Amino acid sequence: MSLRTTPDISNSVAMIDRWQSLIARVENERTIAETQAVAPAARSDSPKIVVIDDEPQNAREIAQHLTSVGITQFAWTSEPTSALEFIQAERPDVLLLDLQMPGQDGISLLQQIRADERLSHVPTIVLTSRKDRQLEHQALELGALDFLRKPVDPIELIPRVRNAWSVKSYQDRLERQANDLDRLVRERTAELALSRLELIHCLGRAAEYRDNETGRHVVRVGRYVGVLARELNLDPRVVELMELAAPLHDVGKIGIPDAILRKPGSLAVDEFRIMQSHCDLGLRIFNDASEGSLNDLVEHPQLGGSFISEYVSPVLRMASRALP
């Protein structure tokens, strides 16, 4: 029997070794890719973790530890010189930062992070392989939240990351509440301002309608006063008050009898004197409102004095100054 067709056992063993090495390399690359990518079924309450470490193996180990407890949003870079741009792009919830890196040490990077308004509140956990109290003190002064020794122990890593995430969640919730409150205040302020403007114009038109005016006269007077006040470079707040108060210039006509107010032709001396008294009547109306009857409202527990003082009295005081 010829033995020339018998396979070469040594070649077969070498081939098997090569296949096993290739399979192991593919599996390793697949694991790395999975830990860097955001999982499609990532939990909505899972924080996004970013690791800056010049040793890729450290980042891979951290990713595996965090993935094991359901933290699936993870990104890392081993290029410290471009780390700031990477962090700005990723916008992490928790940052793990190595202190000793070539080209860009962790302290200088931490300084840049704290100077960036968008990143300054991101909780940072510092990674370090050696104990250096001065370096740790610098990191704490720059806002570092915690420390982890390398190689990273998962028993220490996981609770520290969760604690940092709790801090970030609380900050985000406070920011959302502040934004909602600010929006609500702006809306309510706009409603109050519109209501105030409508009431002022209604009061001004009430006097004008009794004098056979069209009602648009009070609007025009307010606009003209505003234009002139701005041309005189008066304080913007004063201009606003003058423009609001001007439509009230004839409100005292409410107290003038119709026989005089609507009389055709010239007025007698006594009648003209009564007509002139509309200025005094207006002054009394404004003074009574700003100094007298509104005092009861200032003490009212439901209306509140701050609203009355801030939004009503200044306009009425300005209107009283406009009268002789």
C-alpha atoms as a PDB file:
ATOM      1  CA  MET A   1       0.000   0.000   0.000  1.00  0.00           C
ATOM      2  CA  SER A   2       1.291   3.382  -0.963  1.00  0.00           C
ATOM      3  CA  LEU A   3       1.604   5.957   1.893  1.00  0.00           C
ATOM      4  CA  ARG A   4       1.943   8.976  -0.377  1.00  0.00           C
ATOM      5  CA  THR A   5      -1.786   9.828  -0.035  1.00  0.00           C
ATOM      6  CA  THR A   6      -1.655   9.906   3.786  1.00  0.00           C
ATOM      7  CA  PRO A   7      -2.238  13.504   5.089  1.00  0.00           C
ATOM      8  CA  ASP A   8       0.668  15.267   6.699  1.00  0.00           C
ATOM      9  CA  ILE A   9      -0.300  15.332  10.391  1.00  0.00           C
ATOM     10  CA  SER A  10       2.014  18.214  11.238  1.00  0.00           C
ATOM     11  CA  ASN A  11       0.468  20.388   8.519  1.00  0.00           C
ATOM     12  CA  SER A  12      -3.031  19.604   9.796  1.00  0.00           C
ATOM     13  CA  VAL A  13      -2.113  20.579  13.327  1.00  0.00           C
ATOM     14  CA  ALA A  14      -0.634  23.878  12.109  1.00  0.00           C
ATOM     15  CA  MET A  15      -3.786  24.605  10.111  1.00  0.00           C
ATOM     16  CA  ILE A  16      -5.992  23.955  13.140  1.00  0.00           C
ATOM     17  CA  ASP A  17      -3.853  26.300  15.231  1.00  0.00           C
ATOM     18  CA  ARG A  18      -4.181  29.027  12.643  1.00  0.00           C
ATOM     19  CA  TRP A  19      -7.965  28.630  12.514  1.00  0.00           C
ATOM     20  CA  GLN A  20      -8.239  28.729  16.288  1.00  0.00           C
ATOM     21  CA  SER A  21      -6.100  31.890  16.403  1.00  0.00           C
ATOM     22  CA  LEU A  22      -8.241  33.530  13.745  1.00  0.00           C
ATOM     23  CA  ILE A  23     -11.481  32.621  15.541  1.00  0.00           C
ATOM     24  CA  ALA A  24     -10.100  33.985  18.824  1.00  0.00           C
ATOM     25  CA  ARG A  25      -9.088  37.256  17.144  1.00  0.00           C
ATOM     26  CA  VAL A  26     -12.528  37.668  15.532  1.00  0.00           C
ATOM     27  CA  GLU A  27     -14.242  36.975  18.865  1.00  0.00           C
ATOM     28  CA  ASN A  28     -12.019  39.499  20.606  1.00  0.00           C
ATOM     29  CA  GLU A  29     -12.715  42.198  18.012  1.00  0.00           C
ATOM     30  CA  ARG A  30     -16.459  41.488  18.207  1.00  0.00           C
ATOM     31  CA  THR A  31     -16.399  41.863  22.008  1.00  0.00           C
ATOM     32  CA  ILE A  32     -14.546  45.186  21.748  1.00  0.00           C
ATOM     33  CA  ALA A  33     -17.020  46.496  19.164  1.00  0.00           C
ATOM     34  CA  GLU A  34     -19.986  45.497  21.316  1.00  0.00           C
ATOM     35  CA  THR A  35     -18.622  47.256  24.386  1.00  0.00           C
ATOM     36  CA  GLN A  36     -17.978  50.475  22.448  1.00  0.00           C
ATOM     37  CA  ALA A  37     -21.337  50.602  20.701  1.00  0.00           C
ATOM     38  CA  VAL A  38     -24.639  51.609  22.251  1.00  0.00           C
ATOM     39  CA  ALA A  39     -26.739  48.471  22.490  1.00  0.00           C
ATOM     40  CA  PRO A  40     -30.011  48.604  20.502  1.00  0.00           C
ATOM     41  CA  ALA A  41     -31.956  47.476  23.571  1.00  0.00           C
ATOM     42  CA  ALA A  42     -30.190  49.854  25.945  1.00  0.00           C
ATOM     43  CA  ARG A  43     -32.174  50.652  29.058  1.00  0.00           C
ATOM     44  CA  SER A  44     -33.648  54.142  29.157  1.00  0.00           C
ATOM     45  CA  ASP A  45     -32.242  54.645  32.655  1.00  0.00           C
ATOM     46  CA  SER A  46     -28.741  53.576  31.668  1.00  0.00           C
ATOM     47  CA  PRO A  47     -26.179  56.409  31.887  1.00  0.00           C
ATOM     48  CA  LYS A  48     -23.694  57.103  29.126  1.00  0.00           C
ATOM     49  CA  ILE A  49     -20.162  56.406  30.341  1.00  0.00           C
ATOM     50  CA  VAL A  50     -17.071  57.808  28.645  1.00  0.00           C
ATOM     51  CA  VAL A  51     -13.565  56.575  29.506  1.00  0.00           C
ATOM     52  CA  ILE A  52     -10.405  58.491  28.626  1.00  0.00           C
ATOM     53  CA  ASP A  53      -7.401  56.163  29.004  1.00  0.00           C
ATOM     54  CA  ASP A  54      -4.337  55.733  26.806  1.00  0.00           C
ATOM     55  CA  GLU A  55      -4.394  51.959  27.487  1.00  0.00           C
ATOM     56  CA  PRO A  56      -7.293  50.402  25.496  1.00  0.00           C
ATOM     57  CA  GLN A  57      -7.295  47.259  27.632  1.00  0.00           C
ATOM     58  CA  ASN A  58      -8.296  49.283  30.698  1.00  0.00           C
ATOM     59  CA  ALA A  59     -11.281  50.764  28.852  1.00  0.00           C
ATOM     60  CA  ARG A  60     -12.350  47.323  27.596  1.00  0.00           C
ATOM     61  CA  GLU A  61     -12.272  45.865  31.088  1.00  0.00           C
ATOM     62  CA  ILE A  62     -14.305  48.752  32.470  1.00  0.00           C
ATOM     63  CA  ALA A  63     -16.848  48.310  29.676  1.00  0.00           C
ATOM     64  CA  GLN A  64     -17.210  44.612  30.426  1.00  0.00           C
ATOM     65  CA  HIS A  65     -17.724  45.263  34.137  1.00  0.00           C
ATOM     66  CA  LEU A  66     -20.393  47.892  33.493  1.00  0.00           C
ATOM     67  CA  THR A  67     -22.168  45.877  30.806  1.00  0.00           C
ATOM     68  CA  SER A  68     -22.523  43.003  33.275  1.00  0.00           C
ATOM     69  CA  VAL A  69     -24.784  45.186  35.456  1.00  0.00           C
ATOM     70  CA  GLY A  70     -26.870  46.628  32.619  1.00  0.00           C
ATOM     71  CA  ILE A  71     -24.931  49.831  31.894  1.00  0.00           C
ATOM     72  CA  THR A  72     -24.804  49.538  28.122  1.00  0.00           C
ATOM     73  CA  GLN A  73     -24.062  53.027  26.825  1.00  0.00           C
ATOM     74  CA  PHE A  74     -20.308  53.250  26.658  1.00  0.00           C
ATOM     75  CA  ALA A  75     -17.630  55.066  24.640  1.00  0.00           C
ATOM     76  CA  TRP A  76     -13.884  55.447  25.070  1.00  0.00           C
ATOM     77  CA  THR A  77     -10.801  56.837  23.413  1.00  0.00           C
ATOM     78  CA  SER A  78      -7.114  56.168  23.893  1.00  0.00           C
ATOM     79  CA  GLU A  79      -6.082  59.418  22.167  1.00  0.00           C
ATOM     80  CA  PRO A  80      -5.653  61.980  24.961  1.00  0.00           C
ATOM     81  CA  THR A  81      -4.741  64.831  22.595  1.00  0.00           C
ATOM     82  CA  SER A  82      -8.228  64.729  21.028  1.00  0.00           C
ATOM     83  CA  ALA A  83     -10.026  63.725  24.219  1.00  0.00           C
ATOM     84  CA  LEU A  84     -11.758  67.073  24.790  1.00  0.00           C
ATOM     85  CA  GLU A  85     -13.387  67.038  21.346  1.00  0.00           C
ATOM     86  CA  PHE A  86     -14.394  63.412  21.944  1.00  0.00           C
ATOM     87  CA  ILE A  87     -16.056  64.286  25.269  1.00  0.00           C
ATOM     88  CA  GLN A  88     -17.838  67.283  23.722  1.00  0.00           C
ATOM     89  CA  ALA A  89     -19.218  65.048  20.983  1.00  0.00           C
ATOM     90  CA  GLU A  90     -20.293  62.208  23.295  1.00  0.00           C
ATOM     91  CA  ARG A  91     -21.781  64.393  26.110  1.00  0.00           C
ATOM     92  CA  PRO A  92     -21.386  61.739  28.836  1.00  0.00           C
ATOM     93  CA  ASP A  93     -23.379  61.347  32.027  1.00  0.00           C
ATOM     94  CA  VAL A  94     -20.281  60.077  33.857  1.00  0.00           C
ATOM     95  CA  LEU A  95     -16.646  60.546  32.842  1.00  0.00           C
ATOM     96  CA  LEU A  96     -13.797  58.212  33.865  1.00  0.00           C
ATOM     97  CA  LEU A  97     -10.505  60.021  33.330  1.00  0.00           C
ATOM     98  CA  ASP A  98      -6.959  58.673  33.581  1.00  0.00           C
ATOM     99  CA  LEU A  99      -4.549  61.141  35.209  1.00  0.00           C
ATOM    100  CA  GLN A 100      -1.268  59.879  33.728  1.00  0.00           C
ATOM    101  CA  MET A 101      -1.353  59.984  29.928  1.00  0.00           C
ATOM    102  CA  PRO A 102       1.237  60.949  27.311  1.00  0.00           C
ATOM    103  CA  GLY A 103       0.746  64.216  25.425  1.00  0.00           C
ATOM    104  CA  GLN A 104      -2.212  65.352  27.527  1.00  0.00           C
ATOM    105  CA  ASP A 105      -2.245  64.694  31.261  1.00  0.00           C
ATOM    106  CA  GLY A 106      -5.524  64.275  33.097  1.00  0.00           C
ATOM    107  CA  ILE A 107      -5.146  67.456  35.183  1.00  0.00           C
ATOM    108  CA  SER A 108      -4.897  69.774  32.177  1.00  0.00           C
ATOM    109  CA  LEU A 109      -7.791  67.948  30.523  1.00  0.00           C
ATOM    110  CA  LEU A 110      -9.844  68.308  33.699  1.00  0.00           C
ATOM    111  CA  GLN A 111      -9.134  72.058  33.631  1.00  0.00           C
ATOM    112  CA  GLN A 112     -10.428  72.289  30.069  1.00  0.00           C
ATOM    113  CA  ILE A 113     -13.538  70.305  30.971  1.00  0.00           C
ATOM    114  CA  ARG A 114     -14.375  72.562  33.899  1.00  0.00           C
ATOM    115  CA  ALA A 115     -13.889  75.635  31.694  1.00  0.00           C
ATOM    116  CA  ASP A 116     -16.448  74.293  29.193  1.00  0.00           C
ATOM    117  CA  GLU A 117     -19.940  75.356  30.275  1.00  0.00           C
ATOM    118  CA  ARG A 118     -21.514  72.345  28.569  1.00  0.00           C
ATOM    119  CA  LEU A 119     -19.285  69.856  30.423  1.00  0.00           C
ATOM    120  CA  SER A 120     -18.560  71.582  33.718  1.00  0.00           C
ATOM    121  CA  HIS A 121     -21.265  69.647  35.593  1.00  0.00           C
ATOM    122  CA  VAL A 122     -20.391  66.191  34.282  1.00  0.00           C
ATOM    123  CA  PRO A 123     -19.325  64.082  37.308  1.00  0.00           C
ATOM    124  CA  THR A 124     -15.743  62.861  36.815  1.00  0.00           C
ATOM    125  CA  ILE A 125     -14.144  59.801  38.383  1.00  0.00           C
ATOM    126  CA  VAL A 126     -10.357  59.913  38.223  1.00  0.00           C
ATOM    127  CA  LEU A 127      -8.362  56.775  37.318  1.00  0.00           C
ATOM    128  CA  THR A 128      -4.842  56.519  38.677  1.00  0.00           C
ATOM    129  CA  SER A 129      -2.277  53.739  39.058  1.00  0.00           C
ATOM    130  CA  ARG A 130      -0.222  55.408  41.783  1.00  0.00           C
ATOM    131  CA  LYS A 131      -1.041  57.231  44.961  1.00  0.00           C
ATOM    132  CA  ASP A 132      -0.051  60.885  44.700  1.00  0.00           C
ATOM    133  CA  ARG A 133      -1.758  63.055  47.304  1.00  0.00           C
ATOM    134  CA  GLN A 134      -0.784  66.313  45.620  1.00  0.00           C
ATOM    135  CA  LEU A 135      -2.144  65.124  42.279  1.00  0.00           C
ATOM    136  CA  GLU A 136      -5.336  63.888  43.911  1.00  0.00           C
ATOM    137  CA  HIS A 137      -5.744  67.222  45.695  1.00  0.00           C
ATOM    138  CA  GLN A 138      -5.422  69.049  42.355  1.00  0.00           C
ATOM    139  CA  ALA A 139      -8.054  66.806  40.820  1.00  0.00           C
ATOM    140  CA  LEU A 140     -10.445  67.420  43.716  1.00  0.00           C
ATOM    141  CA  GLU A 141      -9.903  71.178  43.452  1.00  0.00           C
ATOM    142  CA  LEU A 142     -10.855  70.953  39.778  1.00  0.00           C
ATOM    143  CA  GLY A 143     -14.107  69.181  40.602  1.00  0.00           C
ATOM    144  CA  ALA A 144     -13.255  65.469  40.465  1.00  0.00           C
ATOM    145  CA  LEU A 145     -15.971  63.517  42.257  1.00  0.00           C
ATOM    146  CA  ASP A 146     -14.134  60.299  43.154  1.00  0.00           C
ATOM    147  CA  PHE A 147     -11.025  58.158  42.611  1.00  0.00           C
ATOM    148  CA  LEU A 148     -10.427  54.637  41.319  1.00  0.00           C
ATOM    149  CA  ARG A 149      -7.143  52.725  41.528  1.00  0.00           C
ATOM    150  CA  LYS A 150      -5.897  50.831  38.518  1.00  0.00           C
ATOM    151  CA  PRO A 151      -6.297  47.993  37.811  1.00  0.00           C
ATOM    152  CA  VAL A 152      -9.957  48.769  38.380  1.00  0.00           C
ATOM    153  CA  ASP A 153     -11.809  46.561  40.839  1.00  0.00           C
ATOM    154  CA  PRO A 154     -15.442  46.027  39.692  1.00  0.00           C
ATOM    155  CA  ILE A 155     -16.574  45.959  43.320  1.00  0.00           C
ATOM    156  CA  GLU A 156     -15.418  49.580  43.612  1.00  0.00           C
ATOM    157  CA  LEU A 157     -16.189  50.638  40.037  1.00  0.00           C
ATOM    158  CA  ILE A 158     -19.889  49.846  39.870  1.00  0.00           C
ATOM    159  CA  PRO A 159     -21.122  51.666  43.021  1.00  0.00           C
ATOM    160  CA  ARG A 160     -18.949  54.686  42.263  1.00  0.00           C
ATOM    161  CA  VAL A 161     -20.362  54.962  38.754  1.00  0.00           C
ATOM    162  CA  ARG A 162     -23.893  54.562  40.083  1.00  0.00           C
ATOM    163  CA  ASN A 163     -23.310  57.241  42.729  1.00  0.00           C
ATOM    164  CA  ALA A 164     -21.930  59.628  40.104  1.00  0.00           C
ATOM    165  CA  TRP A 165     -24.924  58.917  37.885  1.00  0.00           C
ATOM    166  CA  SER A 166     -27.262  59.720  40.794  1.00  0.00           C
ATOM    167  CA  VAL A 167     -25.562  63.100  41.172  1.00  0.00           C
ATOM    168  CA  LYS A 168     -25.918  63.807  37.446  1.00  0.00           C
ATOM    169  CA  SER A 169     -29.581  62.700  37.418  1.00  0.00           C
ATOM    170  CA  TYR A 170     -30.364  65.040  40.298  1.00  0.00           C
ATOM    171  CA  GLN A 171     -28.610  67.943  38.564  1.00  0.00           C
ATOM    172  CA  ASP A 172     -30.501  67.255  35.326  1.00  0.00           C
ATOM    173  CA  ARG A 173     -33.813  67.124  37.179  1.00  0.00           C
ATOM    174  CA  LEU A 174     -33.119  70.442  38.898  1.00  0.00           C
ATOM    175  CA  GLU A 175     -32.167  72.013  35.560  1.00  0.00           C
ATOM    176  CA  ARG A 176     -35.381  70.783  33.919  1.00  0.00           C
ATOM    177  CA  GLN A 177     -37.455  72.116  36.803  1.00  0.00           C
ATOM    178  CA  ALA A 178     -35.653  75.469  36.639  1.00  0.00           C
ATOM    179  CA  ASN A 179     -36.264  75.687  32.881  1.00  0.00           C
ATOM    180  CA  ASP A 180     -39.939  74.808  33.323  1.00  0.00           C
ATOM    181  CA  LEU A 181     -40.316  77.402  36.082  1.00  0.00           C
ATOM    182  CA  ASP A 182     -38.537  80.048  33.999  1.00  0.00           C
ATOM    183  CA  ARG A 183     -40.832  79.338  31.051  1.00  0.00           C
ATOM    184  CA  LEU A 184     -43.902  79.514  33.292  1.00  0.00           C
ATOM    185  CA  VAL A 185     -42.761  82.813  34.813  1.00  0.00           C
ATOM    186  CA  ARG A 186     -42.189  84.299  31.340  1.00  0.00           C
ATOM    187  CA  GLU A 187     -45.645  83.191  30.225  1.00  0.00           C
ATOM    188  CA  ARG A 188     -47.343  84.580  33.339  1.00  0.00           C
ATOM    189  CA  THR A 189     -45.378  87.824  33.100  1.00  0.00           C
ATOM    190  CA  ALA A 190     -46.440  88.242  29.471  1.00  0.00           C
ATOM    191  CA  GLU A 191     -50.078  87.615  30.438  1.00  0.00           C
ATOM    192  CA  LEU A 192     -49.900  90.172  33.245  1.00  0.00           C
ATOM    193  CA  ALA A 193     -48.252  92.744  30.993  1.00  0.00           C
ATOM    194  CA  LEU A 194     -50.927  92.248  28.337  1.00  0.00           C
ATOM    195  CA  SER A 195     -53.712  92.510  30.920  1.00  0.00           C
ATOM    196  CA  ARG A 196     -52.183  95.684  32.318  1.00  0.00           C
ATOM    197  CA  LEU A 197     -51.933  97.229  28.852  1.00  0.00           C
ATOM    198  CA  GLU A 198     -55.538  96.329  28.036  1.00  0.00           C
ATOM    199  CA  LEU A 199     -56.817  97.838  31.311  1.00  0.00           C
ATOM    200  CA  ILE A 200     -54.856 101.057  30.800  1.00  0.00           C
ATOM    201  CA  HIS A 201     -56.190 101.487  27.273  1.00  0.00           C
ATOM    202  CA  CYS A 202     -59.735 100.674  28.369  1.00  0.00           C
ATOM    203  CA  LEU A 203     -59.567 103.304  31.102  1.00  0.00           C
ATOM    204  CA  GLY A 204     -58.090 105.848  28.710  1.00  0.00           C
ATOM    205  CA  ARG A 205     -60.710 105.130  26.042  1.00  0.00           C
ATOM    206  CA  ALA A 206     -63.532 105.424  28.602  1.00  0.00           C
ATOM    207  CA  ALA A 207     -62.687 109.105  29.042  1.00  0.00           C
ATOM    208  CA  GLU A 208     -62.179 109.703  25.314  1.00  0.00           C
ATOM    209  CA  TYR A 209     -65.512 108.147  24.333  1.00  0.00           C
ATOM    210  CA  ARG A 210     -67.296 110.650  26.565  1.00  0.00           C
ATOM    211  CA  ASP A 211     -65.546 113.438  24.641  1.00  0.00           C
ATOM    212  CA  ASN A 212     -66.620 112.197  21.191  1.00  0.00           C
ATOM    213  CA  GLU A 213     -63.112 110.912  20.423  1.00  0.00           C
ATOM    214  CA  THR A 214     -62.530 107.747  18.391  1.00  0.00           C
ATOM    215  CA  GLY A 215     -60.677 105.875  21.111  1.00  0.00           C
ATOM    216  CA  ARG A 216     -57.573 105.555  18.895  1.00  0.00           C
ATOM    217  CA  HIS A 217     -56.442 108.924  20.191  1.00  0.00           C
ATOM    218  CA  VAL A 218     -55.158 107.360  23.440  1.00  0.00           C
ATOM    219  CA  VAL A 219     -53.138 104.801  21.485  1.00  0.00           C
ATOM    220  CA  ARG A 220     -51.565 107.495  19.316  1.00  0.00           C
ATOM    221  CA  VAL A 221     -50.662 109.632  22.330  1.00  0.00           C
ATOM    222  CA  GLY A 222     -48.911 106.685  23.967  1.00  0.00           C
ATOM    223  CA  ARG A 223     -46.921 105.944  20.808  1.00  0.00           C
ATOM    224  CA  TYR A 224     -45.901 109.572  20.322  1.00  0.00           C
ATOM    225  CA  VAL A 225     -44.737 109.854  23.928  1.00  0.00           C
ATOM    226  CA  GLY A 226     -42.669 106.700  23.528  1.00  0.00           C
ATOM    227  CA  VAL A 227     -41.026 107.972  20.331  1.00  0.00           C
ATOM    228  CA  LEU A 228     -40.160 111.330  21.889  1.00  0.00           C
ATOM    229  CA  ALA A 229     -38.848 109.753  25.113  1.00  0.00           C
ATOM    230  CA  ARG A 230     -36.553 107.414  23.172  1.00  0.00           C
ATOM    231  CA  GLU A 231     -35.271 110.309  21.063  1.00  0.00           C
ATOM    232  CA  LEU A 232     -34.351 112.049  24.332  1.00  0.00           C
ATOM    233  CA  ASN A 233     -32.327 108.923  25.311  1.00  0.00           C
ATOM    234  CA  LEU A 234     -34.243 108.437  28.522  1.00  0.00           C
ATOM    235  CA  ASP A 235     -33.828 105.269  30.563  1.00  0.00           C
ATOM    236  CA  PRO A 236     -35.680 102.360  28.833  1.00  0.00           C
ATOM    237  CA  ARG A 237     -37.698 101.642  31.991  1.00  0.00           C
ATOM    238  CA  VAL A 238     -38.794 105.297  32.172  1.00  0.00           C
ATOM    239  CA  VAL A 239     -39.711 105.239  28.466  1.00  0.00           C
ATOM    240  CA  GLU A 240     -41.831 102.137  29.027  1.00  0.00           C
ATOM    241  CA  LEU A 241     -43.670 103.694  31.960  1.00  0.00           C
ATOM    242  CA  MET A 242     -44.253 106.949  30.077  1.00  0.00           C
ATOM    243  CA  GLU A 243     -45.644 105.096  27.077  1.00  0.00           C
ATOM    244  CA  LEU A 244     -47.988 103.120  29.327  1.00  0.00           C
ATOM    245  CA  ALA A 245     -49.093 106.137  31.372  1.00  0.00           C
ATOM    246  CA  ALA A 246     -49.637 108.600  28.509  1.00  0.00           C
ATOM    247  CA  PRO A 247     -53.010 107.133  27.376  1.00  0.00           C
ATOM    248  CA  LEU A 248     -54.375 108.048  30.820  1.00  0.00           C
ATOM    249  CA  HIS A 249     -53.800 111.787  30.341  1.00  0.00           C
ATOM    250  CA  ASP A 250     -57.516 112.611  30.036  1.00  0.00           C
ATOM    251  CA  VAL A 251     -58.947 110.131  32.506  1.00  0.00           C
ATOM    252  CA  GLY A 252     -60.137 113.025  34.716  1.00  0.00           C
ATOM    253  CA  LYS A 253     -62.740 113.879  32.056  1.00  0.00           C
ATOM    254  CA  ILE A 254     -64.831 111.101  33.591  1.00  0.00           C
ATOM    255  CA  GLY A 255     -65.735 113.636  36.325  1.00  0.00           C
ATOM    256  CA  ILE A 256     -66.697 116.479  33.950  1.00  0.00           C
ATOM    257  CA  PRO A 257     -70.460 116.975  33.409  1.00  0.00           C
ATOM    258  CA  ASP A 258     -71.743 116.108  29.943  1.00  0.00           C
ATOM    259  CA  ALA A 259     -73.260 119.569  29.550  1.00  0.00           C
ATOM    260  CA  ILE A 260     -69.769 121.042  29.557  1.00  0.00           C
ATOM    261  CA  LEU A 261     -67.843 118.164  28.036  1.00  0.00           C
ATOM    262  CA  ARG A 262     -70.155 117.857  25.027  1.00  0.00           C
ATOM    263  CA  LYS A 263     -71.125 121.535  24.680  1.00  0.00           C
ATOM    264  CA  PRO A 264     -70.759 122.762  21.093  1.00  0.00           C
ATOM    265  CA  GLY A 265     -68.934 126.015  20.564  1.00  0.00           C
ATOM    266  CA  SER A 266     -66.936 128.050  23.075  1.00  0.00           C
ATOM    267  CA  LEU A 267     -67.099 127.534  26.818  1.00  0.00           C
ATOM    268  CA  ALA A 268     -67.912 130.285  29.308  1.00  0.00           C
ATOM    269  CA  VAL A 269     -65.218 131.293  31.789  1.00  0.00           C
ATOM    270  CA  ASP A 270     -66.724 129.221  34.604  1.00  0.00           C
ATOM    271  CA  GLU A 271     -67.268 126.275  32.269  1.00  0.00           C
ATOM    272  CA  PHE A 272     -63.667 126.464  31.028  1.00  0.00           C
ATOM    273  CA  ARG A 273     -62.458 126.476  34.636  1.00  0.00           C
ATOM    274  CA  ILE A 274     -64.481 123.309  35.290  1.00  0.00           C
ATOM    275  CA  MET A 275     -63.070 121.717  32.125  1.00  0.00           C
ATOM    276  CA  GLN A 276     -59.536 122.480  33.307  1.00  0.00           C
ATOM    277  CA  SER A 277     -60.277 120.693  36.576  1.00  0.00           C
ATOM    278  CA  HIS A 278     -60.136 117.351  34.744  1.00  0.00           C
ATOM    279  CA  CYS A 279     -56.379 117.420  35.364  1.00  0.00           C
ATOM    280  CA  ASP A 280     -56.914 117.712  39.118  1.00  0.00           C
ATOM    281  CA  LEU A 281     -59.542 114.980  38.995  1.00  0.00           C
ATOM    282  CA  GLY A 282     -57.117 112.673  37.185  1.00  0.00           C
ATOM    283  CA  LEU A 283     -54.402 113.428  39.720  1.00  0.00           C
ATOM    284  CA  ARG A 284     -56.777 112.567  42.567  1.00  0.00           C
ATOM    285  CA  ILE A 285     -57.722 109.285  40.865  1.00  0.00           C
ATOM    286  CA  PHE A 286     -54.106 108.230  40.433  1.00  0.00           C
ATOM    287  CA  ASN A 287     -53.001 109.356  43.869  1.00  0.00           C
ATOM    288  CA  ASP A 288     -55.910 107.582  45.548  1.00  0.00           C
ATOM    289  CA  ALA A 289     -55.063 104.413  43.615  1.00  0.00           C
ATOM    290  CA  SER A 290     -51.299 104.446  44.114  1.00  0.00           C
ATOM    291  CA  GLU A 291     -51.270 105.681  47.712  1.00  0.00           C
ATOM    292  CA  GLY A 292     -54.685 105.012  49.184  1.00  0.00           C
ATOM    293  CA  SER A 293     -56.988 102.206  48.132  1.00  0.00           C
ATOM    294  CA  LEU A 294     -54.162  99.984  46.867  1.00  0.00           C
ATOM    295  CA  ASN A 295     -52.738  99.811  50.370  1.00  0.00           C
ATOM    296  CA  ASP A 296     -55.518  97.378  51.212  1.00  0.00           C
ATOM    297  CA  LEU A 297     -54.485  95.210  48.258  1.00  0.00           C
ATOM    298  CA  VAL A 298     -50.839  95.307  49.283  1.00  0.00           C
ATOM    299  CA  GLU A 299     -51.806  93.619  52.545  1.00  0.00           C
ATOM    300  CA  HIS A 300     -54.149  91.172  50.823  1.00  0.00           C
ATOM    301  CA  PRO A 301     -52.806  87.637  51.482  1.00  0.00           C
ATOM    302  CA  GLN A 302     -53.879  86.290  48.093  1.00  0.00           C
ATOM    303  CA  LEU A 303     -52.996  89.167  45.772  1.00  0.00           C
ATOM    304  CA  GLY A 304     -49.632  89.917  47.339  1.00  0.00           C
ATOM    305  CA  GLY A 305     -47.944  93.293  47.699  1.00  0.00           C
ATOM    306  CA  SER A 306     -45.028  92.578  45.373  1.00  0.00           C
ATOM    307  CA  PHE A 307     -47.321  92.375  42.331  1.00  0.00           C
ATOM    308  CA  ILE A 308     -49.182  95.582  43.224  1.00  0.00           C
ATOM    309  CA  SER A 309     -46.020  97.540  43.907  1.00  0.00           C
ATOM    310  CA  GLU A 310     -44.095  96.294  40.882  1.00  0.00           C
ATOM    311  CA  TYR A 311     -46.691  96.387  38.125  1.00  0.00           C
ATOM    312  CA  VAL A 312     -49.467  98.839  39.077  1.00  0.00           C
ATOM    313  CA  SER A 313     -48.144 101.666  41.226  1.00  0.00           C
ATOM    314  CA  PRO A 314     -45.211 102.723  38.960  1.00  0.00           C
ATOM    315  CA  VAL A 315     -47.562 103.319  36.014  1.00  0.00           C
ATOM    316  CA  LEU A 316     -50.025 105.298  38.122  1.00  0.00           C
ATOM    317  CA  ARG A 317     -47.246 107.310  39.693  1.00  0.00           C
ATOM    318  CA  MET A 318     -45.905 108.134  36.238  1.00  0.00           C
ATOM    319  CA  ALA A 319     -49.401 109.130  35.078  1.00  0.00           C
ATOM    320  CA  SER A 320     -49.775 111.478  38.069  1.00  0.00           C
ATOM    321  CA  ARG A 321     -46.426 113.141  37.262  1.00  0.00           C
ATOM    322  CA  ALA A 322     -47.627 113.854  33.721  1.00  0.00           C
ATOM    323  CA  LEU A 323     -50.480 115.974  35.079  1.00  0.00           C
ATOM    324  CA  PRO A 324     -49.964 119.617  36.138  1.00  0.00           C
END
